[in-house]
Each structure stands twice: as structure tokens, then as C-alpha cells.
Amino acid sequence: MRGDTVEIVVDAGGVTKTYEVAATRAGRRVEVVNRRGMVEVSELTRGGTPVRTARFMASRVIALVEHPAPRRPAGRGARRPAEQ
């Protein structure tokens, strides 16, 4: 969902660097995968096609913070709980 963001803090030899991957358009999402010593953060389309990908060595990642997009409140036509 547009607004999904992931911040990655990486050790760069005595200095830390911060990277950010965000869903830039409506319908896209950000996915984090940890495999074979690598952390992979990808922006994906609705169909699952990667638009851009950032890869980091897992041993160098200090912090990984996910910020989900704020969800919209129920709009018109949404189901409401029955009153008792």
C-alpha cells in the first residue's frame, strides 16, 4: 500500500548508514525477506513483480524498522456491526 516504508540501518565500518525503501505508488507494497545471509527489501506491484530491490549482508544490518501505511477508515458502503 502506498506509504509502506522500511528503514534499514547498516554498519559501514565504524559509521552507520540509513537506507529507506518506500512504496511509491498506490497498490504497491514493501516486502522484507531474509535468506542465505542476505536481507532483501523489495517494492512490489500488485502482481508481485519487483520494481526495485535493496540487498544487505545480514551481519551488517543493525536495525530494520517497518512503518506500515496508515489504513483508511471504513468509508461509504462498508459493513457496520449490527446494533444490539
C-alpha atoms as a PDB file:
ATOM      1  CA  MET A   1       0.000   0.000   0.000  1.00  0.00           C
ATOM      2  CA  ARG A   2       1.299   3.440  -0.815  1.00  0.00           C
ATOM      3  CA  GLY A   3       3.026   4.794   2.258  1.00  0.00           C
ATOM      4  CA  ASP A   4       4.550   1.490   3.411  1.00  0.00           C
ATOM      5  CA  THR A   5       8.152   2.234   4.339  1.00  0.00           C
ATOM      6  CA  VAL A   6      11.110   0.203   5.606  1.00  0.00           C
ATOM      7  CA  GLU A   7      14.203   1.811   7.156  1.00  0.00           C
ATOM      8  CA  ILE A   8      17.447  -0.179   7.214  1.00  0.00           C
ATOM      9  CA  VAL A   9      20.415   0.860   9.374  1.00  0.00           C
ATOM     10  CA  VAL A  10      23.688  -0.712   8.230  1.00  0.00           C
ATOM     11  CA  ASP A  11      27.177  -0.797   9.791  1.00  0.00           C
ATOM     12  CA  ALA A  12      29.578   0.658   7.241  1.00  0.00           C
ATOM     13  CA  GLY A  13      32.887   0.200   9.056  1.00  0.00           C
ATOM     14  CA  GLY A  14      32.588   2.417  12.117  1.00  0.00           C
ATOM     15  CA  VAL A  15      29.862   4.573  10.582  1.00  0.00           C
ATOM     16  CA  THR A  16      26.181   3.785  10.242  1.00  0.00           C
ATOM     17  CA  LYS A  17      24.210   4.442   7.083  1.00  0.00           C
ATOM     18  CA  THR A  18      20.438   4.556   6.863  1.00  0.00           C
ATOM     19  CA  TYR A  19      18.538   3.476   3.777  1.00  0.00           C
ATOM     20  CA  GLU A  20      14.819   3.747   3.113  1.00  0.00           C
ATOM     21  CA  VAL A  21      12.634   1.751   0.731  1.00  0.00           C
ATOM     22  CA  ALA A  22       9.062   3.003   0.284  1.00  0.00           C
ATOM     23  CA  ALA A  23       6.018   2.043  -1.759  1.00  0.00           C
ATOM     24  CA  THR A  24       5.902   4.975  -4.174  1.00  0.00           C
ATOM     25  CA  ARG A  25       2.565   4.368  -5.887  1.00  0.00           C
ATOM     26  CA  ALA A  26      -0.899   3.218  -4.920  1.00  0.00           C
ATOM     27  CA  GLY A  27      -1.233  -0.560  -4.924  1.00  0.00           C
ATOM     28  CA  ARG A  28       2.443  -1.247  -4.283  1.00  0.00           C
ATOM     29  CA  ARG A  29       3.841  -2.796  -1.136  1.00  0.00           C
ATOM     30  CA  VAL A  30       7.223  -3.324   0.509  1.00  0.00           C
ATOM     31  CA  GLU A  31       8.337  -6.834   1.413  1.00  0.00           C
ATOM     32  CA  VAL A  32      11.302  -7.947   3.556  1.00  0.00           C
ATOM     33  CA  VAL A  33      12.960 -11.353   3.061  1.00  0.00           C
ATOM     34  CA  ASN A  34      15.901 -12.812   4.974  1.00  0.00           C
ATOM     35  CA  ARG A  35      17.646 -15.645   3.122  1.00  0.00           C
ATOM     36  CA  ARG A  36      21.142 -17.109   2.916  1.00  0.00           C
ATOM     37  CA  GLY A  37      22.819 -14.365   4.944  1.00  0.00           C
ATOM     38  CA  MET A  38      21.205 -11.549   2.965  1.00  0.00           C
ATOM     39  CA  VAL A  39      18.359  -9.198   3.850  1.00  0.00           C
ATOM     40  CA  GLU A  40      16.356  -8.248   0.761  1.00  0.00           C
ATOM     41  CA  VAL A  41      13.865  -5.366   0.783  1.00  0.00           C
ATOM     42  CA  SER A  42      11.709  -5.058  -2.344  1.00  0.00           C
ATOM     43  CA  GLU A  43       8.997  -2.741  -3.589  1.00  0.00           C
ATOM     44  CA  LEU A  44       6.424  -4.941  -5.340  1.00  0.00           C
ATOM     45  CA  THR A  45       3.497  -4.268  -7.660  1.00  0.00           C
ATOM     46  CA  ARG A  46       0.054  -5.761  -7.049  1.00  0.00           C
ATOM     47  CA  GLY A  47       1.017  -8.733  -9.216  1.00  0.00           C
ATOM     48  CA  GLY A  48       4.205  -9.374  -7.222  1.00  0.00           C
ATOM     49  CA  THR A  49       6.690  -8.051  -9.780  1.00  0.00           C
ATOM     50  CA  PRO A  50       9.661  -6.344  -8.072  1.00  0.00           C
ATOM     51  CA  VAL A  51      10.078  -2.690  -9.054  1.00  0.00           C
ATOM     52  CA  ARG A  52      13.256  -2.117  -7.079  1.00  0.00           C
ATOM     53  CA  THR A  53      15.237  -4.178  -4.615  1.00  0.00           C
ATOM     54  CA  ALA A  54      17.860  -3.399  -1.965  1.00  0.00           C
ATOM     55  CA  ARG A  55      20.127  -6.164  -0.630  1.00  0.00           C
ATOM     56  CA  PHE A  56      22.272  -6.044   2.501  1.00  0.00           C
ATOM     57  CA  MET A  57      24.519  -8.549   4.261  1.00  0.00           C
ATOM     58  CA  ALA A  58      22.590  -9.739   7.327  1.00  0.00           C
ATOM     59  CA  SER A  59      25.717  -9.496   9.502  1.00  0.00           C
ATOM     60  CA  ARG A  60      25.941  -5.746   8.726  1.00  0.00           C
ATOM     61  CA  VAL A  61      22.292  -4.865   9.393  1.00  0.00           C
ATOM     62  CA  ILE A  62      21.928  -3.161  12.771  1.00  0.00           C
ATOM     63  CA  ALA A  63      18.225  -2.325  12.635  1.00  0.00           C
ATOM     64  CA  LEU A  64      15.313  -2.871  10.297  1.00  0.00           C
ATOM     65  CA  VAL A  65      12.173  -0.839  11.031  1.00  0.00           C
ATOM     66  CA  GLU A  66       8.903  -1.348   9.169  1.00  0.00           C
ATOM     67  CA  HIS A  67       6.414   1.529   9.019  1.00  0.00           C
ATOM     68  CA  PRO A  68       3.065   0.331   7.636  1.00  0.00           C
ATOM     69  CA  ALA A  69       0.894   2.848   5.833  1.00  0.00           C
ATOM     70  CA  PRO A  70      -1.989   4.210   7.871  1.00  0.00           C
ATOM     71  CA  ARG A  71      -5.135   2.300   6.971  1.00  0.00           C
ATOM     72  CA  ARG A  72      -8.126   4.288   5.780  1.00  0.00           C
ATOM     73  CA  PRO A  73     -11.232   4.287   7.986  1.00  0.00           C
ATOM     74  CA  ALA A  74     -14.285   2.436   6.717  1.00  0.00           C
ATOM     75  CA  GLY A  75     -15.916   4.557   4.038  1.00  0.00           C
ATOM     76  CA  ARG A  76     -19.270   4.551   2.347  1.00  0.00           C
ATOM     77  CA  GLY A  77     -20.774   1.137   1.756  1.00  0.00           C
ATOM     78  CA  ALA A  78     -18.664  -0.508   4.430  1.00  0.00           C
ATOM     79  CA  ARG A  79     -20.331  -3.031   6.688  1.00  0.00           C
ATOM     80  CA  ARG A  80     -21.128  -1.837  10.159  1.00  0.00           C
ATOM     81  CA  PRO A  81     -21.643  -4.063  13.172  1.00  0.00           C
ATOM     82  CA  ALA A  82     -25.293  -4.742  13.990  1.00  0.00           C
ATOM     83  CA  GLU A  83     -26.653  -2.748  16.887  1.00  0.00           C
ATOM     84  CA  GLN A  84     -27.953  -4.699  19.839  1.00  0.00           C
END
